[in-house]
Structure formats: C-alpha cells, structure tokens
Amino acid sequence: MRTRTFRQPASARPSPEDTVPTTHQVLVNHEGQYALYPAARETPDGWTPAGFDGTEDACAAFVDAHWPDTRPLSLRGA
C-alpha cells in the first residue's frame, strides 16, 4: 500500500519568524515615531535604530516608556 504525502503550499507554511523566537529592535523615524522590527532584517529606509533590542514584549515596554505622546513631531509643536 502506498501512502501519499501532503505538502502544504509555501504560502500556507509558517515562516521561520513564526516558529523561531525573534529578537526585535526598536526603530524611530524622523517624526519621532517608534516601531518594532525583526533585528535580523536590514533597517528600512527612513528608520534609525533607537538603540534597544530584545523580545517583542521588552521592546514594546521600551516604546511605552519612551513614546508617551504618539503624535508625529510635526504635530506636537502645533
């Protein structure tokens, strides 16, 4: 008796980021807005590392502590 192996399409398989704990970094843009981003990836244009990396929860706590006013810089002074 032959058995068939079912393979999920690539789009249905979890990405490595979904299965392996990911270290995140905190990024900041020219408007003073923060974002969490996988540390293993190249920093996207327009963003600068804020100097903190760790778990997603640790990065979120860093952002919460350092970004109390979530309005862009251009609106904070108005």
PDB file of N, CA and C in Angstrom:
ATOM      1  N   MET A   1       0.827  -1.168   0.000  1.00  0.00           N
ATOM      2  CA  MET A   1       0.000   0.000   0.000  1.00  0.00           C
ATOM      3  C   MET A   1       0.880   1.242   0.000  1.00  0.00           C
ATOM      4  N   ARG A   2       0.549   2.185  -0.859  1.00  0.00           N
ATOM      5  CA  ARG A   2       1.309   3.421  -0.965  1.00  0.00           C
ATOM      6  C   ARG A   2       0.629   4.502  -0.128  1.00  0.00           C
ATOM      7  N   THR A   3       1.430   5.302   0.482  1.00  0.00           N
ATOM      8  CA  THR A   3       0.876   6.441   1.207  1.00  0.00           C
ATOM      9  C   THR A   3       1.236   7.710   0.451  1.00  0.00           C
ATOM     10  N   ARG A   4       0.375   8.646   0.538  1.00  0.00           N
ATOM     11  CA  ARG A   4       0.628   9.926  -0.123  1.00  0.00           C
ATOM     12  C   ARG A   4       1.042  10.951   0.922  1.00  0.00           C
ATOM     13  N   THR A   5       2.001  11.718   0.569  1.00  0.00           N
ATOM     14  CA  THR A   5       2.453  12.792   1.447  1.00  0.00           C
ATOM     15  C   THR A   5       1.834  14.085   0.968  1.00  0.00           C
ATOM     16  N   PHE A   6       1.156  14.722   1.869  1.00  0.00           N
ATOM     17  CA  PHE A   6       0.548  16.010   1.539  1.00  0.00           C
ATOM     18  C   PHE A   6       1.498  17.120   1.962  1.00  0.00           C
ATOM     19  N   ARG A   7       1.792  18.003   1.050  1.00  0.00           N
ATOM     20  CA  ARG A   7       2.646  19.147   1.346  1.00  0.00           C
ATOM     21  C   ARG A   7       1.824  20.406   1.241  1.00  0.00           C
ATOM     22  N   GLN A   8       1.916  21.222   2.238  1.00  0.00           N
ATOM     23  CA  GLN A   8       1.210  22.497   2.199  1.00  0.00           C
ATOM     24  C   GLN A   8       1.878  23.407   1.180  1.00  0.00           C
ATOM     25  N   PRO A   9       1.095  24.244   0.520  1.00  0.00           N
ATOM     26  CA  PRO A   9       1.721  25.228  -0.360  1.00  0.00           C
ATOM     27  C   PRO A   9       2.593  26.167   0.469  1.00  0.00           C
ATOM     28  N   ALA A  10       3.600  26.707  -0.169  1.00  0.00           N
ATOM     29  CA  ALA A  10       4.543  27.575   0.547  1.00  0.00           C
ATOM     30  C   ALA A  10       3.829  28.707   1.275  1.00  0.00           C
ATOM     31  N   SER A  11       2.777  29.227   0.705  1.00  0.00           N
ATOM     32  CA  SER A  11       2.070  30.343   1.341  1.00  0.00           C
ATOM     33  C   SER A  11       1.353  29.922   2.613  1.00  0.00           C
ATOM     34  N   ALA A  12       1.069  28.633   2.800  1.00  0.00           N
ATOM     35  CA  ALA A  12       0.365  28.154   3.978  1.00  0.00           C
ATOM     36  C   ALA A  12       1.326  27.701   5.075  1.00  0.00           C
ATOM     37  N   ARG A  13       2.584  27.528   4.739  1.00  0.00           N
ATOM     38  CA  ARG A  13       3.561  27.098   5.737  1.00  0.00           C
ATOM     39  C   ARG A  13       3.973  28.289   6.596  1.00  0.00           C
ATOM     40  N   PRO A  14       4.198  28.073   7.880  1.00  0.00           N
ATOM     41  CA  PRO A  14       4.649  29.183   8.721  1.00  0.00           C
ATOM     42  C   PRO A  14       6.043  29.632   8.308  1.00  0.00           C
ATOM     43  N   SER A  15       6.279  30.915   8.377  1.00  0.00           N
ATOM     44  CA  SER A  15       7.607  31.431   8.070  1.00  0.00           C
ATOM     45  C   SER A  15       8.514  31.160   9.263  1.00  0.00           C
ATOM     46  N   PRO A  16       9.819  31.198   9.061  1.00  0.00           N
ATOM     47  CA  PRO A  16      10.734  30.991  10.185  1.00  0.00           C
ATOM     48  C   PRO A  16      10.486  31.978  11.320  1.00  0.00           C
ATOM     49  N   GLU A  17      10.052  33.191  10.997  1.00  0.00           N
ATOM     50  CA  GLU A  17       9.776  34.187  12.033  1.00  0.00           C
ATOM     51  C   GLU A  17       8.608  33.772  12.910  1.00  0.00           C
ATOM     52  N   ASP A  18       7.701  32.947  12.373  1.00  0.00           N
ATOM     53  CA  ASP A  18       6.551  32.491  13.145  1.00  0.00           C
ATOM     54  C   ASP A  18       6.899  31.330  14.074  1.00  0.00           C
ATOM     55  N   THR A  19       7.959  30.605  13.780  1.00  0.00           N
ATOM     56  CA  THR A  19       8.274  29.405  14.539  1.00  0.00           C
ATOM     57  C   THR A  19       9.510  29.556  15.422  1.00  0.00           C
ATOM     58  N   VAL A  20      10.361  30.505  15.141  1.00  0.00           N
ATOM     59  CA  VAL A  20      11.584  30.708  15.905  1.00  0.00           C
ATOM     60  C   VAL A  20      11.442  32.022  16.671  1.00  0.00           C
ATOM     61  N   PRO A  21      11.779  32.032  17.961  1.00  0.00           N
ATOM     62  CA  PRO A  21      11.704  33.299  18.685  1.00  0.00           C
ATOM     63  C   PRO A  21      12.536  34.357  17.981  1.00  0.00           C
ATOM     64  N   THR A  22      11.956  35.508  17.772  1.00  0.00           N
ATOM     65  CA  THR A  22      12.608  36.572  17.024  1.00  0.00           C
ATOM     66  C   THR A  22      13.047  37.678  17.972  1.00  0.00           C
ATOM     67  N   THR A  23      14.284  38.101  17.817  1.00  0.00           N
ATOM     68  CA  THR A  23      14.751  39.278  18.532  1.00  0.00           C
ATOM     69  C   THR A  23      14.305  40.485  17.729  1.00  0.00           C
ATOM     70  N   HIS A  24      13.717  41.427  18.411  1.00  0.00           N
ATOM     71  CA  HIS A  24      13.258  42.645  17.761  1.00  0.00           C
ATOM     72  C   HIS A  24      14.169  43.800  18.116  1.00  0.00           C
ATOM     73  N   GLN A  25      14.110  44.819  17.297  1.00  0.00           N
ATOM     74  CA  GLN A  25      14.794  46.066  17.612  1.00  0.00           C
ATOM     75  C   GLN A  25      13.763  47.184  17.546  1.00  0.00           C
ATOM     76  N   VAL A  26      14.046  48.245  18.261  1.00  0.00           N
ATOM     77  CA  VAL A  26      13.175  49.406  18.239  1.00  0.00           C
ATOM     78  C   VAL A  26      13.764  50.388  17.240  1.00  0.00           C
ATOM     79  N   LEU A  27      12.916  50.855  16.329  1.00  0.00           N
ATOM     80  CA  LEU A  27      13.327  51.838  15.333  1.00  0.00           C
ATOM     81  C   LEU A  27      12.571  53.130  15.586  1.00  0.00           C
ATOM     82  N   VAL A  28      13.144  54.233  15.107  1.00  0.00           N
ATOM     83  CA  VAL A  28      12.485  55.533  15.206  1.00  0.00           C
ATOM     84  C   VAL A  28      12.657  56.240  13.861  1.00  0.00           C
ATOM     85  N   ASN A  29      11.645  57.002  13.451  1.00  0.00           N
ATOM     86  CA  ASN A  29      11.748  57.732  12.187  1.00  0.00           C
ATOM     87  C   ASN A  29      11.922  59.222  12.441  1.00  0.00           C
ATOM     88  N   HIS A  30      11.980  60.026  11.382  1.00  0.00           N
ATOM     89  CA  HIS A  30      12.237  61.461  11.509  1.00  0.00           C
ATOM     90  C   HIS A  30      11.108  62.203  12.219  1.00  0.00           C
ATOM     91  N   GLU A  31       9.942  61.593  12.338  1.00  0.00           N
ATOM     92  CA  GLU A  31       8.809  62.192  13.043  1.00  0.00           C
ATOM     93  C   GLU A  31       8.755  61.753  14.509  1.00  0.00           C
ATOM     94  N   GLY A  32       9.776  61.005  14.952  1.00  0.00           N
ATOM     95  CA  GLY A  32       9.813  60.550  16.331  1.00  0.00           C
ATOM     96  C   GLY A  32       8.850  59.420  16.625  1.00  0.00           C
ATOM     97  N   GLN A  33       8.399  58.731  15.580  1.00  0.00           N
ATOM     98  CA  GLN A  33       7.505  57.594  15.743  1.00  0.00           C
ATOM     99  C   GLN A  33       8.343  56.329  15.891  1.00  0.00           C
ATOM    100  N   TYR A  34       7.904  55.443  16.765  1.00  0.00           N
ATOM    101  CA  TYR A  34       8.637  54.216  17.049  1.00  0.00           C
ATOM    102  C   TYR A  34       7.976  53.018  16.378  1.00  0.00           C
ATOM    103  N   ALA A  35       8.787  51.997  16.126  1.00  0.00           N
ATOM    104  CA  ALA A  35       8.290  50.750  15.546  1.00  0.00           C
ATOM    105  C   ALA A  35       9.155  49.601  16.047  1.00  0.00           C
ATOM    106  N   LEU A  36       8.552  48.417  16.135  1.00  0.00           N
ATOM    107  CA  LEU A  36       9.292  47.193  16.433  1.00  0.00           C
ATOM    108  C   LEU A  36       9.570  46.504  15.108  1.00  0.00           C
ATOM    109  N   TYR A  37      10.777  45.973  14.964  1.00  0.00           N
ATOM    110  CA  TYR A  37      11.169  45.371  13.692  1.00  0.00           C
ATOM    111  C   TYR A  37      12.095  44.199  13.984  1.00  0.00           C
ATOM    112  N   PRO A  38      11.995  43.111  13.227  1.00  0.00           N
ATOM    113  CA  PRO A  38      12.916  41.981  13.459  1.00  0.00           C
ATOM    114  C   PRO A  38      14.373  42.431  13.350  1.00  0.00           C
ATOM    115  N   ALA A  39      15.165  42.122  14.356  1.00  0.00           N
ATOM    116  CA  ALA A  39      16.553  42.576  14.408  1.00  0.00           C
ATOM    117  C   ALA A  39      17.410  41.982  13.301  1.00  0.00           C
ATOM    118  N   ALA A  40      17.034  40.810  12.795  1.00  0.00           N
ATOM    119  CA  ALA A  40      17.834  40.154  11.765  1.00  0.00           C
ATOM    120  C   ALA A  40      17.655  40.797  10.391  1.00  0.00           C
ATOM    121  N   ARG A  41      16.646  41.618  10.248  1.00  0.00           N
ATOM    122  CA  ARG A  41      16.401  42.254   8.948  1.00  0.00           C
ATOM    123  C   ARG A  41      17.123  43.589   8.850  1.00  0.00           C
ATOM    124  N   GLU A  42      17.403  43.972   7.615  1.00  0.00           N
ATOM    125  CA  GLU A  42      18.037  45.260   7.357  1.00  0.00           C
ATOM    126  C   GLU A  42      17.057  46.380   7.712  1.00  0.00           C
ATOM    127  N   THR A  43      17.580  47.419   8.342  1.00  0.00           N
ATOM    128  CA  THR A  43      16.747  48.554   8.734  1.00  0.00           C
ATOM    129  C   THR A  43      16.163  49.214   7.490  1.00  0.00           C
ATOM    130  N   PRO A  44      14.847  49.406   7.452  1.00  0.00           N
ATOM    131  CA  PRO A  44      14.229  50.014   6.272  1.00  0.00           C
ATOM    132  C   PRO A  44      14.591  51.496   6.144  1.00  0.00           C
ATOM    133  N   ASP A  45      14.541  51.979   4.916  1.00  0.00           N
ATOM    134  CA  ASP A  45      14.813  53.387   4.659  1.00  0.00           C
ATOM    135  C   ASP A  45      13.873  54.262   5.485  1.00  0.00           C
ATOM    136  N   GLY A  46      14.411  55.349   6.001  1.00  0.00           N
ATOM    137  CA  GLY A  46      13.609  56.286   6.768  1.00  0.00           C
ATOM    138  C   GLY A  46      13.545  55.969   8.250  1.00  0.00           C
ATOM    139  N   TRP A  47      14.137  54.872   8.675  1.00  0.00           N
ATOM    140  CA  TRP A  47      14.109  54.463  10.072  1.00  0.00           C
ATOM    141  C   TRP A  47      15.531  54.336  10.597  1.00  0.00           C
ATOM    142  N   THR A  48      15.709  54.587  11.891  1.00  0.00           N
ATOM    143  CA  THR A  48      17.011  54.506  12.548  1.00  0.00           C
ATOM    144  C   THR A  48      16.867  53.655  13.803  1.00  0.00           C
ATOM    145  N   PRO A  49      17.831  52.782  14.095  1.00  0.00           N
ATOM    146  CA  PRO A  49      17.750  52.024  15.343  1.00  0.00           C
ATOM    147  C   PRO A  49      17.752  52.974  16.545  1.00  0.00           C
ATOM    148  N   ALA A  50      16.880  52.707  17.499  1.00  0.00           N
ATOM    149  CA  ALA A  50      16.778  53.534  18.704  1.00  0.00           C
ATOM    150  C   ALA A  50      17.735  53.062  19.795  1.00  0.00           C
ATOM    151  N   GLY A  51      18.479  51.992  19.526  1.00  0.00           N
ATOM    152  CA  GLY A  51      19.471  51.519  20.479  1.00  0.00           C
ATOM    153  C   GLY A  51      18.948  50.515  21.484  1.00  0.00           C
ATOM    154  N   PHE A  52      17.824  49.882  21.178  1.00  0.00           N
ATOM    155  CA  PHE A  52      17.283  48.869  22.085  1.00  0.00           C
ATOM    156  C   PHE A  52      16.821  47.684  21.270  1.00  0.00           C
ATOM    157  N   ASP A  53      17.151  46.488  21.742  1.00  0.00           N
ATOM    158  CA  ASP A  53      16.637  45.273  21.120  1.00  0.00           C
ATOM    159  C   ASP A  53      16.383  44.236  22.191  1.00  0.00           C
ATOM    160  N   GLY A  54      15.520  43.278  21.880  1.00  0.00           N
ATOM    161  CA  GLY A  54      15.165  42.235  22.833  1.00  0.00           C
ATOM    162  C   GLY A  54      13.923  41.514  22.363  1.00  0.00           C
ATOM    163  N   THR A  55      13.190  40.951  23.310  1.00  0.00           N
ATOM    164  CA  THR A  55      11.950  40.274  22.952  1.00  0.00           C
ATOM    165  C   THR A  55      10.931  41.313  22.499  1.00  0.00           C
ATOM    166  N   GLU A  56       9.876  40.841  21.870  1.00  0.00           N
ATOM    167  CA  GLU A  56       8.821  41.760  21.436  1.00  0.00           C
ATOM    168  C   GLU A  56       8.226  42.494  22.630  1.00  0.00           C
ATOM    169  N   ASP A  57       8.002  41.779  23.723  1.00  0.00           N
ATOM    170  CA  ASP A  57       7.437  42.403  24.926  1.00  0.00           C
ATOM    171  C   ASP A  57       8.379  43.445  25.518  1.00  0.00           C
ATOM    172  N   ALA A  58       9.672  43.144  25.569  1.00  0.00           N
ATOM    173  CA  ALA A  58      10.645  44.095  26.108  1.00  0.00           C
ATOM    174  C   ALA A  58      10.726  45.346  25.240  1.00  0.00           C
ATOM    175  N   CYS A  59      10.684  45.151  23.928  1.00  0.00           N
ATOM    176  CA  CYS A  59      10.720  46.295  23.011  1.00  0.00           C
ATOM    177  C   CYS A  59       9.456  47.141  23.145  1.00  0.00           C
ATOM    178  N   ALA A  60       8.313  46.482  23.301  1.00  0.00           N
ATOM    179  CA  ALA A  60       7.061  47.217  23.481  1.00  0.00           C
ATOM    180  C   ALA A  60       7.098  48.029  24.771  1.00  0.00           C
ATOM    181  N   ALA A  61       7.665  47.473  25.824  1.00  0.00           N
ATOM    182  CA  ALA A  61       7.788  48.203  27.087  1.00  0.00           C
ATOM    183  C   ALA A  61       8.713  49.404  26.923  1.00  0.00           C
ATOM    184  N   PHE A  62       9.794  49.241  26.168  1.00  0.00           N
ATOM    185  CA  PHE A  62      10.709  50.358  25.892  1.00  0.00           C
ATOM    186  C   PHE A  62       9.969  51.476  25.166  1.00  0.00           C
ATOM    187  N   VAL A  63       9.205  51.113  24.154  1.00  0.00           N
ATOM    188  CA  VAL A  63       8.451  52.112  23.390  1.00  0.00           C
ATOM    189  C   VAL A  63       7.440  52.810  24.296  1.00  0.00           C
ATOM    190  N   ASP A  64       6.723  52.047  25.107  1.00  0.00           N
ATOM    191  CA  ASP A  64       5.749  52.644  26.032  1.00  0.00           C
ATOM    192  C   ASP A  64       6.407  53.664  26.959  1.00  0.00           C
ATOM    193  N   ALA A  65       7.620  53.367  27.409  1.00  0.00           N
ATOM    194  CA  ALA A  65       8.325  54.255  28.330  1.00  0.00           C
ATOM    195  C   ALA A  65       8.909  55.488  27.650  1.00  0.00           C
ATOM    196  N   HIS A  66       9.224  55.390  26.364  1.00  0.00           N
ATOM    197  CA  HIS A  66       9.923  56.477  25.677  1.00  0.00           C
ATOM    198  C   HIS A  66       9.065  57.257  24.679  1.00  0.00           C
ATOM    199  N   TRP A  67       7.827  56.847  24.492  1.00  0.00           N
ATOM    200  CA  TRP A  67       6.984  57.492  23.489  1.00  0.00           C
ATOM    201  C   TRP A  67       5.599  57.768  24.068  1.00  0.00           C
ATOM    202  N   PRO A  68       5.519  58.650  25.067  1.00  0.00           N
ATOM    203  CA  PRO A  68       4.231  58.902  25.712  1.00  0.00           C
ATOM    204  C   PRO A  68       3.254  59.671  24.825  1.00  0.00           C
ATOM    205  N   ASP A  69       3.765  60.524  23.960  1.00  0.00           N
ATOM    206  CA  ASP A  69       2.918  61.312  23.054  1.00  0.00           C
ATOM    207  C   ASP A  69       3.087  60.738  21.659  1.00  0.00           C
ATOM    208  N   THR A  70       2.098  60.007  21.182  1.00  0.00           N
ATOM    209  CA  THR A  70       2.242  59.279  19.920  1.00  0.00           C
ATOM    210  C   THR A  70       1.995  60.122  18.684  1.00  0.00           C
ATOM    211  N   ARG A  71       1.741  61.400  18.866  1.00  0.00           N
ATOM    212  CA  ARG A  71       1.586  62.261  17.682  1.00  0.00           C
ATOM    213  C   ARG A  71       2.943  62.448  17.011  1.00  0.00           C
ATOM    214  N   PRO A  72       2.960  62.593  15.684  1.00  0.00           N
ATOM    215  CA  PRO A  72       4.222  62.888  14.993  1.00  0.00           C
ATOM    216  C   PRO A  72       4.817  64.208  15.506  1.00  0.00           C
ATOM    217  N   LEU A  73       6.137  64.356  15.424  1.00  0.00           N
ATOM    218  CA  LEU A  73       6.795  65.584  15.877  1.00  0.00           C
ATOM    219  C   LEU A  73       6.192  66.829  15.242  1.00  0.00           C
ATOM    220  N   SER A  74       5.836  66.730  13.982  1.00  0.00           N
ATOM    221  CA  SER A  74       5.300  67.894  13.274  1.00  0.00           C
ATOM    222  C   SER A  74       3.981  68.380  13.875  1.00  0.00           C
ATOM    223  N   LEU A  75       3.269  67.527  14.596  1.00  0.00           N
ATOM    224  CA  LEU A  75       2.023  67.931  15.236  1.00  0.00           C
ATOM    225  C   LEU A  75       2.174  68.260  16.713  1.00  0.00           C
ATOM    226  N   ARG A  76       3.249  67.816  17.332  1.00  0.00           N
ATOM    227  CA  ARG A  76       3.435  68.078  18.755  1.00  0.00           C
ATOM    228  C   ARG A  76       3.659  69.544  19.061  1.00  0.00           C
ATOM    229  N   GLY A  77       4.345  70.235  18.181  1.00  0.00           N
ATOM    230  CA  GLY A  77       4.649  71.643  18.414  1.00  0.00           C
ATOM    231  C   GLY A  77       3.520  72.572  18.016  1.00  0.00           C
ATOM    232  N   ALA A  78       2.508  72.042  17.360  1.00  0.00           N
ATOM    233  CA  ALA A  78       1.413  72.892  16.863  1.00  0.00           C
ATOM    234  C   ALA A  78       0.463  73.289  17.963  1.00  0.00           C
TER     235      ALA A  78
END
